[in-house]
């Protein structure tokens, strides 16, 4: 049995990961911002950059997934600051707390995003590709750099560059599912932009695989083997629901409704998981139709 600490445990990925680990008999600690109610909770305050480091003693692995919801609000200057602070400050505080332990965990798996690469157009990006431009790319760079204290302390640090996670319980599928069920599903803009997706079940499995892959550190892309276009995604979800989705949400309308965040939905993010595949990971849902079907049956 392994003792694992998880931040962001109430989110889409975190809650699924905690369930998976506990089902297999692992001891899981969750980091909470309120006073702990059970021995399985550890207090932290990422806004104040404080962590109860003593509560993390004995953990062999830490999975850090916390951060304000990227798609939760319009990107005002205030919300962009919240997005940055929740990731950079929280990651830095956690990394320093882990580095301070007499016996630090053997691995920190810290969240990031394929937004690191910015608009890749038709060019495939693996983990060796440079960062892109724009707010989200810059945020990812700073977010990853905030793990520095853990790396300097000798903790194996894996940067989870996550693509579009497919699940009916949240994320892209969860948000558009009611519209698709009504026959109102629509591609975004011209639909030719690439989306690098991954089934939630494969994401959880990949995190657990990387937790136990001692030779892997640094950035790892968590996406399906083949990126798909937004048009392909829209058609696949329509097929799975038996609801044709011939509509389109025009780019100007998206920009008017969503502001700067619309740009991230319209750019092409063609990312491939080279290092994940080289590490020996096997996808349960390697193609879009399989991943969409899995997303629609998530418990």
C-alpha atoms as a PDB file:
ATOM      1  CA  UNK A   1       0.000   0.000   0.000  1.00  0.00           C
ATOM      2  CA  UNK A   2       1.247   3.475  -0.924  1.00  0.00           C
ATOM      3  CA  UNK A   3       0.509   6.717   0.912  1.00  0.00           C
ATOM      4  CA  UNK A   4      -0.418   9.390  -1.639  1.00  0.00           C
ATOM      5  CA  UNK A   5      -1.392  13.048  -1.150  1.00  0.00           C
ATOM      6  CA  UNK A   6      -3.632  14.774  -3.707  1.00  0.00           C
ATOM      7  CA  UNK A   7      -4.472  18.438  -4.185  1.00  0.00           C
ATOM      8  CA  UNK A   8      -7.502  19.370  -6.263  1.00  0.00           C
ATOM      9  CA  UNK A   9      -9.159  16.185  -4.995  1.00  0.00           C
ATOM     10  CA  UNK A  10     -12.682  17.564  -5.496  1.00  0.00           C
ATOM     11  CA  UNK A  11     -12.130  18.335  -9.189  1.00  0.00           C
ATOM     12  CA  UNK A  12     -12.924  16.165 -12.201  1.00  0.00           C
ATOM     13  CA  UNK A  13      -9.521  14.465 -12.421  1.00  0.00           C
ATOM     14  CA  UNK A  14      -8.683  14.563  -8.723  1.00  0.00           C
ATOM     15  CA  UNK A  15     -11.898  12.909  -7.568  1.00  0.00           C
ATOM     16  CA  UNK A  16     -11.528  10.132 -10.145  1.00  0.00           C
ATOM     17  CA  UNK A  17      -7.897   9.583  -9.140  1.00  0.00           C
ATOM     18  CA  UNK A  18      -8.719   9.432  -5.429  1.00  0.00           C
ATOM     19  CA  UNK A  19     -11.481   6.876  -6.078  1.00  0.00           C
ATOM     20  CA  UNK A  20      -9.130   4.752  -8.190  1.00  0.00           C
ATOM     21  CA  UNK A  21      -6.348   4.774  -5.607  1.00  0.00           C
ATOM     22  CA  UNK A  22      -8.618   4.040  -2.650  1.00  0.00           C
ATOM     23  CA  UNK A  23     -10.383   1.244  -4.528  1.00  0.00           C
ATOM     24  CA  UNK A  24      -6.988  -0.445  -4.883  1.00  0.00           C
ATOM     25  CA  UNK A  25      -6.277  -0.095  -1.177  1.00  0.00           C
ATOM     26  CA  UNK A  26      -3.900   2.892  -1.169  1.00  0.00           C
ATOM     27  CA  UNK A  27      -3.970   5.444   1.630  1.00  0.00           C
ATOM     28  CA  UNK A  28      -4.923   8.831   0.182  1.00  0.00           C
ATOM     29  CA  UNK A  29      -4.568  12.186   1.910  1.00  0.00           C
ATOM     30  CA  UNK A  30      -6.413  15.146   0.424  1.00  0.00           C
ATOM     31  CA  UNK A  31      -5.307  18.742   0.915  1.00  0.00           C
ATOM     32  CA  UNK A  32      -8.123  21.058   2.008  1.00  0.00           C
ATOM     33  CA  UNK A  33      -8.393  24.805   2.638  1.00  0.00           C
ATOM     34  CA  UNK A  34     -10.629  24.436   5.711  1.00  0.00           C
ATOM     35  CA  UNK A  35      -9.844  22.802   9.066  1.00  0.00           C
ATOM     36  CA  UNK A  36      -9.423  19.022   8.533  1.00  0.00           C
ATOM     37  CA  UNK A  37     -12.407  16.895   9.485  1.00  0.00           C
ATOM     38  CA  UNK A  38     -10.726  13.486   9.261  1.00  0.00           C
ATOM     39  CA  UNK A  39      -7.175  12.105   9.580  1.00  0.00           C
ATOM     40  CA  UNK A  40      -7.182  11.743   5.785  1.00  0.00           C
ATOM     41  CA  UNK A  41      -7.196  15.526   5.302  1.00  0.00           C
ATOM     42  CA  UNK A  42      -4.256  17.938   5.442  1.00  0.00           C
ATOM     43  CA  UNK A  43      -4.666  21.710   5.748  1.00  0.00           C
ATOM     44  CA  UNK A  44      -3.147  24.117   3.244  1.00  0.00           C
ATOM     45  CA  UNK A  45      -3.758  27.690   2.149  1.00  0.00           C
ATOM     46  CA  UNK A  46      -2.350  28.224  -1.345  1.00  0.00           C
ATOM     47  CA  UNK A  47      -3.386  31.891  -1.373  1.00  0.00           C
ATOM     48  CA  UNK A  48      -1.164  32.479   1.673  1.00  0.00           C
ATOM     49  CA  UNK A  49       1.438  30.048   0.324  1.00  0.00           C
ATOM     50  CA  UNK A  50       1.225  27.883   3.429  1.00  0.00           C
ATOM     51  CA  UNK A  51       1.110  24.078   3.747  1.00  0.00           C
ATOM     52  CA  UNK A  52       0.960  21.860   6.833  1.00  0.00           C
ATOM     53  CA  UNK A  53       4.138  20.081   5.809  1.00  0.00           C
ATOM     54  CA  UNK A  54       4.079  17.791   8.850  1.00  0.00           C
ATOM     55  CA  UNK A  55       0.771  16.357   7.628  1.00  0.00           C
ATOM     56  CA  UNK A  56       2.510  15.131   4.474  1.00  0.00           C
ATOM     57  CA  UNK A  57       5.161  13.131   6.301  1.00  0.00           C
ATOM     58  CA  UNK A  58       5.329   9.552   5.119  1.00  0.00           C
ATOM     59  CA  UNK A  59       3.826  10.200   1.687  1.00  0.00           C
ATOM     60  CA  UNK A  60       5.570   8.351  -1.112  1.00  0.00           C
ATOM     61  CA  UNK A  61       3.879  10.359  -3.866  1.00  0.00           C
ATOM     62  CA  UNK A  62       2.096  13.702  -4.212  1.00  0.00           C
ATOM     63  CA  UNK A  63      -0.248  14.544  -7.092  1.00  0.00           C
ATOM     64  CA  UNK A  64      -0.848  18.273  -7.439  1.00  0.00           C
ATOM     65  CA  UNK A  65      -3.939  19.133  -9.488  1.00  0.00           C
ATOM     66  CA  UNK A  66      -5.291  22.232  -7.740  1.00  0.00           C
ATOM     67  CA  UNK A  67      -5.981  25.508  -9.534  1.00  0.00           C
ATOM     68  CA  UNK A  68      -8.846  27.828 -10.452  1.00  0.00           C
ATOM     69  CA  UNK A  69     -10.994  26.565 -13.334  1.00  0.00           C
ATOM     70  CA  UNK A  70      -9.519  27.711 -16.667  1.00  0.00           C
ATOM     71  CA  UNK A  71     -12.941  27.697 -18.343  1.00  0.00           C
ATOM     72  CA  UNK A  72     -14.922  28.726 -15.295  1.00  0.00           C
ATOM     73  CA  UNK A  73     -15.163  32.464 -15.947  1.00  0.00           C
ATOM     74  CA  UNK A  74     -14.562  35.136 -18.539  1.00  0.00           C
ATOM     75  CA  UNK A  75     -10.881  36.064 -18.501  1.00  0.00           C
ATOM     76  CA  UNK A  76     -11.010  39.465 -16.863  1.00  0.00           C
ATOM     77  CA  UNK A  77      -7.752  40.874 -15.545  1.00  0.00           C
ATOM     78  CA  UNK A  78      -8.872  39.893 -12.044  1.00  0.00           C
ATOM     79  CA  UNK A  79      -9.653  36.307 -13.036  1.00  0.00           C
ATOM     80  CA  UNK A  80      -6.418  35.947 -14.962  1.00  0.00           C
ATOM     81  CA  UNK A  81      -4.618  36.954 -11.779  1.00  0.00           C
ATOM     82  CA  UNK A  82      -6.601  34.317  -9.864  1.00  0.00           C
ATOM     83  CA  UNK A  83      -5.710  31.672 -12.457  1.00  0.00           C
ATOM     84  CA  UNK A  84      -2.030  32.546 -12.176  1.00  0.00           C
ATOM     85  CA  UNK A  85      -1.878  32.923  -8.401  1.00  0.00           C
ATOM     86  CA  UNK A  86      -3.808  29.709  -7.713  1.00  0.00           C
ATOM     87  CA  UNK A  87      -1.314  27.740  -9.788  1.00  0.00           C
ATOM     88  CA  UNK A  88       2.017  29.460  -9.348  1.00  0.00           C
ATOM     89  CA  UNK A  89       1.695  30.327  -5.648  1.00  0.00           C
ATOM     90  CA  UNK A  90       0.085  27.018  -4.721  1.00  0.00           C
ATOM     91  CA  UNK A  91       2.674  24.977  -6.613  1.00  0.00           C
ATOM     92  CA  UNK A  92       5.569  26.932  -5.140  1.00  0.00           C
ATOM     93  CA  UNK A  93       4.252  26.540  -1.594  1.00  0.00           C
ATOM     94  CA  UNK A  94       3.709  22.803  -2.033  1.00  0.00           C
ATOM     95  CA  UNK A  95       7.131  22.257  -3.606  1.00  0.00           C
ATOM     96  CA  UNK A  96       8.851  24.096  -0.739  1.00  0.00           C
ATOM     97  CA  UNK A  97       6.862  22.171   1.867  1.00  0.00           C
ATOM     98  CA  UNK A  98       7.851  18.837   0.322  1.00  0.00           C
ATOM     99  CA  UNK A  99      11.479  19.925   0.057  1.00  0.00           C
ATOM    100  CA  UNK A 100      11.492  20.758   3.776  1.00  0.00           C
ATOM    101  CA  UNK A 101      10.598  17.227   4.873  1.00  0.00           C
ATOM    102  CA  UNK A 102      13.289  15.066   6.426  1.00  0.00           C
ATOM    103  CA  UNK A 103      12.086  12.247   4.167  1.00  0.00           C
ATOM    104  CA  UNK A 104      10.432  13.847   1.138  1.00  0.00           C
ATOM    105  CA  UNK A 105       8.194  11.864  -1.224  1.00  0.00           C
ATOM    106  CA  UNK A 106       9.885  10.001  -4.036  1.00  0.00           C
ATOM    107  CA  UNK A 107       7.752  11.729  -6.698  1.00  0.00           C
ATOM    108  CA  UNK A 108       5.726  14.898  -7.281  1.00  0.00           C
ATOM    109  CA  UNK A 109       3.312  14.769 -10.214  1.00  0.00           C
ATOM    110  CA  UNK A 110       2.345  18.372 -10.861  1.00  0.00           C
ATOM    111  CA  UNK A 111      -0.412  19.585 -13.158  1.00  0.00           C
ATOM    112  CA  UNK A 112       0.208  21.606 -16.290  1.00  0.00           C
ATOM    113  CA  UNK A 113      -1.548  21.811 -19.667  1.00  0.00           C
ATOM    114  CA  UNK A 114      -0.953  21.366 -23.376  1.00  0.00           C
ATOM    115  CA  UNK A 115      -1.675  25.084 -23.569  1.00  0.00           C
ATOM    116  CA  UNK A 116       2.082  25.299 -22.890  1.00  0.00           C
ATOM    117  CA  UNK A 117       2.625  24.917 -26.648  1.00  0.00           C
ATOM    118  CA  UNK A 118       0.237  27.677 -27.708  1.00  0.00           C
ATOM    119  CA  UNK A 119      -1.103  27.623 -31.268  1.00  0.00           C
ATOM    120  CA  UNK A 120       0.760  24.825 -33.068  1.00  0.00           C
ATOM    121  CA  UNK A 121      -1.217  25.036 -36.306  1.00  0.00           C
ATOM    122  CA  UNK A 122      -0.770  21.784 -38.256  1.00  0.00           C
ATOM    123  CA  UNK A 123       2.598  21.063 -36.610  1.00  0.00           C
ATOM    124  CA  UNK A 124       2.721  18.218 -34.092  1.00  0.00           C
ATOM    125  CA  UNK A 125       4.258  19.137 -30.751  1.00  0.00           C
ATOM    126  CA  UNK A 126       5.889  16.611 -28.452  1.00  0.00           C
ATOM    127  CA  UNK A 127       7.576  17.336 -25.121  1.00  0.00           C
ATOM    128  CA  UNK A 128      10.658  18.821 -26.817  1.00  0.00           C
ATOM    129  CA  UNK A 129       8.652  21.593 -28.487  1.00  0.00           C
ATOM    130  CA  UNK A 130       9.196  25.126 -27.136  1.00  0.00           C
ATOM    131  CA  UNK A 131       6.515  27.107 -25.291  1.00  0.00           C
ATOM    132  CA  UNK A 132       4.044  29.087 -27.342  1.00  0.00           C
ATOM    133  CA  UNK A 133       2.774  32.613 -26.963  1.00  0.00           C
ATOM    134  CA  UNK A 134      -0.200  34.014 -25.127  1.00  0.00           C
ATOM    135  CA  UNK A 135      -1.566  34.069 -21.610  1.00  0.00           C
ATOM    136  CA  UNK A 136      -2.097  30.324 -21.159  1.00  0.00           C
ATOM    137  CA  UNK A 137       1.327  29.388 -22.535  1.00  0.00           C
ATOM    138  CA  UNK A 138       3.010  31.893 -20.232  1.00  0.00           C
ATOM    139  CA  UNK A 139       0.973  30.636 -17.294  1.00  0.00           C
ATOM    140  CA  UNK A 140       2.055  27.043 -17.971  1.00  0.00           C
ATOM    141  CA  UNK A 141       5.721  28.062 -18.094  1.00  0.00           C
ATOM    142  CA  UNK A 142       5.502  29.809 -14.709  1.00  0.00           C
ATOM    143  CA  UNK A 143       3.373  26.988 -13.259  1.00  0.00           C
ATOM    144  CA  UNK A 144       5.976  24.384 -14.159  1.00  0.00           C
ATOM    145  CA  UNK A 145       8.893  26.501 -12.973  1.00  0.00           C
ATOM    146  CA  UNK A 146       7.208  26.817  -9.558  1.00  0.00           C
ATOM    147  CA  UNK A 147       8.093  23.160  -8.867  1.00  0.00           C
ATOM    148  CA  UNK A 148      11.761  24.170  -8.662  1.00  0.00           C
ATOM    149  CA  UNK A 149      12.193  23.622  -4.919  1.00  0.00           C
ATOM    150  CA  UNK A 150      11.044  20.015  -5.236  1.00  0.00           C
ATOM    151  CA  UNK A 151      13.398  19.314  -8.130  1.00  0.00           C
ATOM    152  CA  UNK A 152      16.319  20.897  -6.275  1.00  0.00           C
ATOM    153  CA  UNK A 153      15.557  18.686  -3.263  1.00  0.00           C
ATOM    154  CA  UNK A 154      15.980  15.611  -5.461  1.00  0.00           C
ATOM    155  CA  UNK A 155      12.276  14.767  -5.715  1.00  0.00           C
ATOM    156  CA  UNK A 156      11.446  13.191  -9.060  1.00  0.00           C
ATOM    157  CA  UNK A 157       9.091  15.735 -10.613  1.00  0.00           C
ATOM    158  CA  UNK A 158       6.719  14.927 -13.475  1.00  0.00           C
ATOM    159  CA  UNK A 159       4.894  17.771 -15.222  1.00  0.00           C
ATOM    160  CA  UNK A 160       1.479  16.574 -16.387  1.00  0.00           C
ATOM    161  CA  UNK A 161       0.753  18.528 -19.574  1.00  0.00           C
ATOM    162  CA  UNK A 162      -2.908  17.631 -19.831  1.00  0.00           C
ATOM    163  CA  UNK A 163      -5.045  17.977 -22.940  1.00  0.00           C
ATOM    164  CA  UNK A 164      -8.851  18.111 -23.187  1.00  0.00           C
ATOM    165  CA  UNK A 165     -10.121  15.530 -20.686  1.00  0.00           C
ATOM    166  CA  UNK A 166     -13.241  13.707 -21.891  1.00  0.00           C
ATOM    167  CA  UNK A 167     -15.889  12.821 -19.300  1.00  0.00           C
ATOM    168  CA  UNK A 168     -19.606  13.384 -18.981  1.00  0.00           C
ATOM    169  CA  UNK A 169     -18.953  14.512 -15.409  1.00  0.00           C
ATOM    170  CA  UNK A 170     -17.184  17.717 -16.474  1.00  0.00           C
ATOM    171  CA  UNK A 171     -14.696  19.293 -18.838  1.00  0.00           C
ATOM    172  CA  UNK A 172     -15.495  19.828 -22.508  1.00  0.00           C
ATOM    173  CA  UNK A 173     -17.966  16.930 -22.791  1.00  0.00           C
ATOM    174  CA  UNK A 174     -19.755  17.744 -19.558  1.00  0.00           C
ATOM    175  CA  UNK A 175     -20.318  21.359 -20.597  1.00  0.00           C
ATOM    176  CA  UNK A 176     -21.682  20.687 -24.074  1.00  0.00           C
ATOM    177  CA  UNK A 177     -23.528  17.417 -23.408  1.00  0.00           C
ATOM    178  CA  UNK A 178     -26.926  19.032 -22.645  1.00  0.00           C
ATOM    179  CA  UNK A 179     -26.792  20.934 -25.947  1.00  0.00           C
ATOM    180  CA  UNK A 180     -25.833  17.848 -27.928  1.00  0.00           C
ATOM    181  CA  UNK A 181     -28.656  15.840 -26.349  1.00  0.00           C
ATOM    182  CA  UNK A 182     -31.050  18.523 -27.629  1.00  0.00           C
ATOM    183  CA  UNK A 183     -29.575  18.329 -31.118  1.00  0.00           C
ATOM    184  CA  UNK A 184     -27.868  21.713 -30.679  1.00  0.00           C
ATOM    185  CA  UNK A 185     -24.259  20.512 -30.730  1.00  0.00           C
ATOM    186  CA  UNK A 186     -21.958  22.714 -32.770  1.00  0.00           C
ATOM    187  CA  UNK A 187     -18.360  22.878 -33.873  1.00  0.00           C
ATOM    188  CA  UNK A 188     -16.378  25.920 -32.739  1.00  0.00           C
ATOM    189  CA  UNK A 189     -15.473  28.305 -35.534  1.00  0.00           C
ATOM    190  CA  UNK A 190     -14.539  26.397 -38.688  1.00  0.00           C
ATOM    191  CA  UNK A 191     -13.727  23.299 -36.602  1.00  0.00           C
ATOM    192  CA  UNK A 192     -10.348  22.783 -38.256  1.00  0.00           C
ATOM    193  CA  UNK A 193      -8.345  23.560 -35.121  1.00  0.00           C
ATOM    194  CA  UNK A 194      -6.761  20.556 -33.435  1.00  0.00           C
ATOM    195  CA  UNK A 195      -7.823  19.408 -29.995  1.00  0.00           C
ATOM    196  CA  UNK A 196      -5.554  17.018 -28.112  1.00  0.00           C
ATOM    197  CA  UNK A 197      -7.970  14.917 -26.052  1.00  0.00           C
ATOM    198  CA  UNK A 198      -7.745  12.067 -23.560  1.00  0.00           C
ATOM    199  CA  UNK A 199     -10.383   9.929 -21.852  1.00  0.00           C
ATOM    200  CA  UNK A 200     -10.625  10.574 -18.113  1.00  0.00           C
ATOM    201  CA  UNK A 201     -10.016   6.871 -17.446  1.00  0.00           C
ATOM    202  CA  UNK A 202      -6.790   6.959 -19.453  1.00  0.00           C
ATOM    203  CA  UNK A 203      -5.681  10.149 -17.708  1.00  0.00           C
ATOM    204  CA  UNK A 204      -6.091   8.565 -14.279  1.00  0.00           C
ATOM    205  CA  UNK A 205      -4.339   5.410 -15.474  1.00  0.00           C
ATOM    206  CA  UNK A 206      -1.499   7.486 -16.931  1.00  0.00           C
ATOM    207  CA  UNK A 207      -0.967   9.381 -13.661  1.00  0.00           C
ATOM    208  CA  UNK A 208      -0.786   6.115 -11.770  1.00  0.00           C
ATOM    209  CA  UNK A 209       1.568   4.672 -14.393  1.00  0.00           C
ATOM    210  CA  UNK A 210       3.885   7.698 -14.136  1.00  0.00           C
ATOM    211  CA  UNK A 211       3.767   7.511 -10.346  1.00  0.00           C
ATOM    212  CA  UNK A 212       5.446   4.122 -10.659  1.00  0.00           C
ATOM    213  CA  UNK A 213       7.840   4.922 -13.535  1.00  0.00           C
ATOM    214  CA  UNK A 214      11.067   5.865 -11.733  1.00  0.00           C
ATOM    215  CA  UNK A 215      12.929   6.723 -14.936  1.00  0.00           C
ATOM    216  CA  UNK A 216      10.413   9.384 -16.040  1.00  0.00           C
ATOM    217  CA  UNK A 217      10.679  13.012 -14.973  1.00  0.00           C
ATOM    218  CA  UNK A 218      10.003  16.388 -16.549  1.00  0.00           C
ATOM    219  CA  UNK A 219       7.151  17.129 -18.957  1.00  0.00           C
ATOM    220  CA  UNK A 220       4.824  14.379 -20.158  1.00  0.00           C
ATOM    221  CA  UNK A 221       1.932  15.075 -22.533  1.00  0.00           C
ATOM    222  CA  UNK A 222      -1.315  13.425 -21.422  1.00  0.00           C
ATOM    223  CA  UNK A 223      -3.252  13.159 -24.687  1.00  0.00           C
ATOM    224  CA  UNK A 224      -4.498  10.447 -27.036  1.00  0.00           C
ATOM    225  CA  UNK A 225      -1.968   9.164 -29.581  1.00  0.00           C
ATOM    226  CA  UNK A 226      -3.624  11.072 -32.440  1.00  0.00           C
ATOM    227  CA  UNK A 227      -4.849  14.661 -32.091  1.00  0.00           C
ATOM    228  CA  UNK A 228      -8.266  15.332 -33.626  1.00  0.00           C
ATOM    229  CA  UNK A 229      -9.916  18.435 -34.989  1.00  0.00           C
ATOM    230  CA  UNK A 230     -12.789  20.148 -33.249  1.00  0.00           C
ATOM    231  CA  UNK A 231     -14.953  19.132 -36.205  1.00  0.00           C
ATOM    232  CA  UNK A 232     -14.010  15.458 -35.664  1.00  0.00           C
ATOM    233  CA  UNK A 233     -14.747  15.765 -31.945  1.00  0.00           C
ATOM    234  CA  UNK A 234     -18.145  17.338 -32.652  1.00  0.00           C
ATOM    235  CA  UNK A 235     -19.071  14.630 -35.164  1.00  0.00           C
ATOM    236  CA  UNK A 236     -17.918  11.815 -32.843  1.00  0.00           C
ATOM    237  CA  UNK A 237     -19.990  13.110 -29.923  1.00  0.00           C
ATOM    238  CA  UNK A 238     -22.989  13.528 -32.209  1.00  0.00           C
ATOM    239  CA  UNK A 239     -22.577   9.942 -33.463  1.00  0.00           C
ATOM    240  CA  UNK A 240     -22.319   8.548 -29.959  1.00  0.00           C
ATOM    241  CA  UNK A 241     -25.524  10.346 -28.927  1.00  0.00           C
ATOM    242  CA  UNK A 242     -27.258   9.715 -32.264  1.00  0.00           C
ATOM    243  CA  UNK A 243     -27.775  13.439 -32.549  1.00  0.00           C
ATOM    244  CA  UNK A 244     -26.317  14.976 -35.722  1.00  0.00           C
ATOM    245  CA  UNK A 245     -24.368  18.153 -34.997  1.00  0.00           C
ATOM    246  CA  UNK A 246     -24.288  20.200 -38.225  1.00  0.00           C
ATOM    247  CA  UNK A 247     -24.277  23.601 -36.521  1.00  0.00           C
ATOM    248  CA  UNK A 248     -21.330  25.951 -36.031  1.00  0.00           C
ATOM    249  CA  UNK A 249     -20.631  28.579 -33.398  1.00  0.00           C
ATOM    250  CA  UNK A 250     -19.033  31.405 -35.417  1.00  0.00           C
ATOM    251  CA  UNK A 251     -15.676  32.645 -34.182  1.00  0.00           C
ATOM    252  CA  UNK A 252     -16.839  36.303 -33.831  1.00  0.00           C
ATOM    253  CA  UNK A 253     -19.770  35.194 -31.662  1.00  0.00           C
ATOM    254  CA  UNK A 254     -17.444  33.131 -29.439  1.00  0.00           C
ATOM    255  CA  UNK A 255     -15.099  36.066 -29.012  1.00  0.00           C
ATOM    256  CA  UNK A 256     -18.005  38.337 -28.135  1.00  0.00           C
ATOM    257  CA  UNK A 257     -19.366  35.863 -25.591  1.00  0.00           C
ATOM    258  CA  UNK A 258     -16.124  34.617 -24.058  1.00  0.00           C
ATOM    259  CA  UNK A 259     -13.583  37.347 -24.672  1.00  0.00           C
ATOM    260  CA  UNK A 260      -9.914  36.370 -24.584  1.00  0.00           C
ATOM    261  CA  UNK A 261     -10.672  32.799 -23.502  1.00  0.00           C
ATOM    262  CA  UNK A 262     -12.337  32.162 -26.891  1.00  0.00           C
ATOM    263  CA  UNK A 263      -8.896  32.364 -28.465  1.00  0.00           C
ATOM    264  CA  UNK A 264      -7.830  29.218 -26.634  1.00  0.00           C
ATOM    265  CA  UNK A 265     -10.832  27.334 -28.062  1.00  0.00           C
ATOM    266  CA  UNK A 266     -10.094  28.467 -31.602  1.00  0.00           C
ATOM    267  CA  UNK A 267      -6.325  27.925 -31.784  1.00  0.00           C
ATOM    268  CA  UNK A 268      -4.870  24.631 -32.922  1.00  0.00           C
ATOM    269  CA  UNK A 269      -3.246  22.508 -30.211  1.00  0.00           C
ATOM    270  CA  UNK A 270      -1.806  19.478 -32.023  1.00  0.00           C
ATOM    271  CA  UNK A 271       0.038  17.640 -29.251  1.00  0.00           C
ATOM    272  CA  UNK A 272       1.266  14.040 -29.136  1.00  0.00           C
ATOM    273  CA  UNK A 273       2.201  11.924 -26.065  1.00  0.00           C
ATOM    274  CA  UNK A 274       5.647  10.744 -27.153  1.00  0.00           C
ATOM    275  CA  UNK A 275       7.165  10.330 -23.690  1.00  0.00           C
ATOM    276  CA  UNK A 276       4.065   8.644 -22.245  1.00  0.00           C
ATOM    277  CA  UNK A 277       4.105   6.043 -25.012  1.00  0.00           C
ATOM    278  CA  UNK A 278       7.876   5.554 -24.722  1.00  0.00           C
ATOM    279  CA  UNK A 279       7.410   4.855 -21.006  1.00  0.00           C
ATOM    280  CA  UNK A 280       5.326   1.799 -21.877  1.00  0.00           C
ATOM    281  CA  UNK A 281       1.849   3.172 -21.170  1.00  0.00           C
ATOM    282  CA  UNK A 282      -1.014   1.399 -22.952  1.00  0.00           C
ATOM    283  CA  UNK A 283      -4.152   3.393 -23.742  1.00  0.00           C
ATOM    284  CA  UNK A 284      -7.490   1.736 -23.021  1.00  0.00           C
ATOM    285  CA  UNK A 285      -9.157   4.311 -25.292  1.00  0.00           C
ATOM    286  CA  UNK A 286      -6.581   5.285 -27.920  1.00  0.00           C
ATOM    287  CA  UNK A 287      -8.996   6.648 -30.540  1.00  0.00           C
ATOM    288  CA  UNK A 288     -11.671   9.344 -30.465  1.00  0.00           C
ATOM    289  CA  UNK A 289     -14.778   7.175 -30.799  1.00  0.00           C
ATOM    290  CA  UNK A 290     -13.611   4.873 -28.006  1.00  0.00           C
ATOM    291  CA  UNK A 291     -12.720   7.828 -25.773  1.00  0.00           C
ATOM    292  CA  UNK A 292     -16.093   9.494 -26.363  1.00  0.00           C
ATOM    293  CA  UNK A 293     -17.973   6.270 -25.568  1.00  0.00           C
ATOM    294  CA  UNK A 294     -15.947   5.943 -22.353  1.00  0.00           C
ATOM    295  CA  UNK A 295     -16.706   9.559 -21.478  1.00  0.00           C
ATOM    296  CA  UNK A 296     -20.439   8.986 -21.783  1.00  0.00           C
ATOM    297  CA  UNK A 297     -20.345   6.012 -19.390  1.00  0.00           C
ATOM    298  CA  UNK A 298     -18.129   7.498 -16.660  1.00  0.00           C
ATOM    299  CA  UNK A 299     -19.493   6.606 -13.236  1.00  0.00           C
END
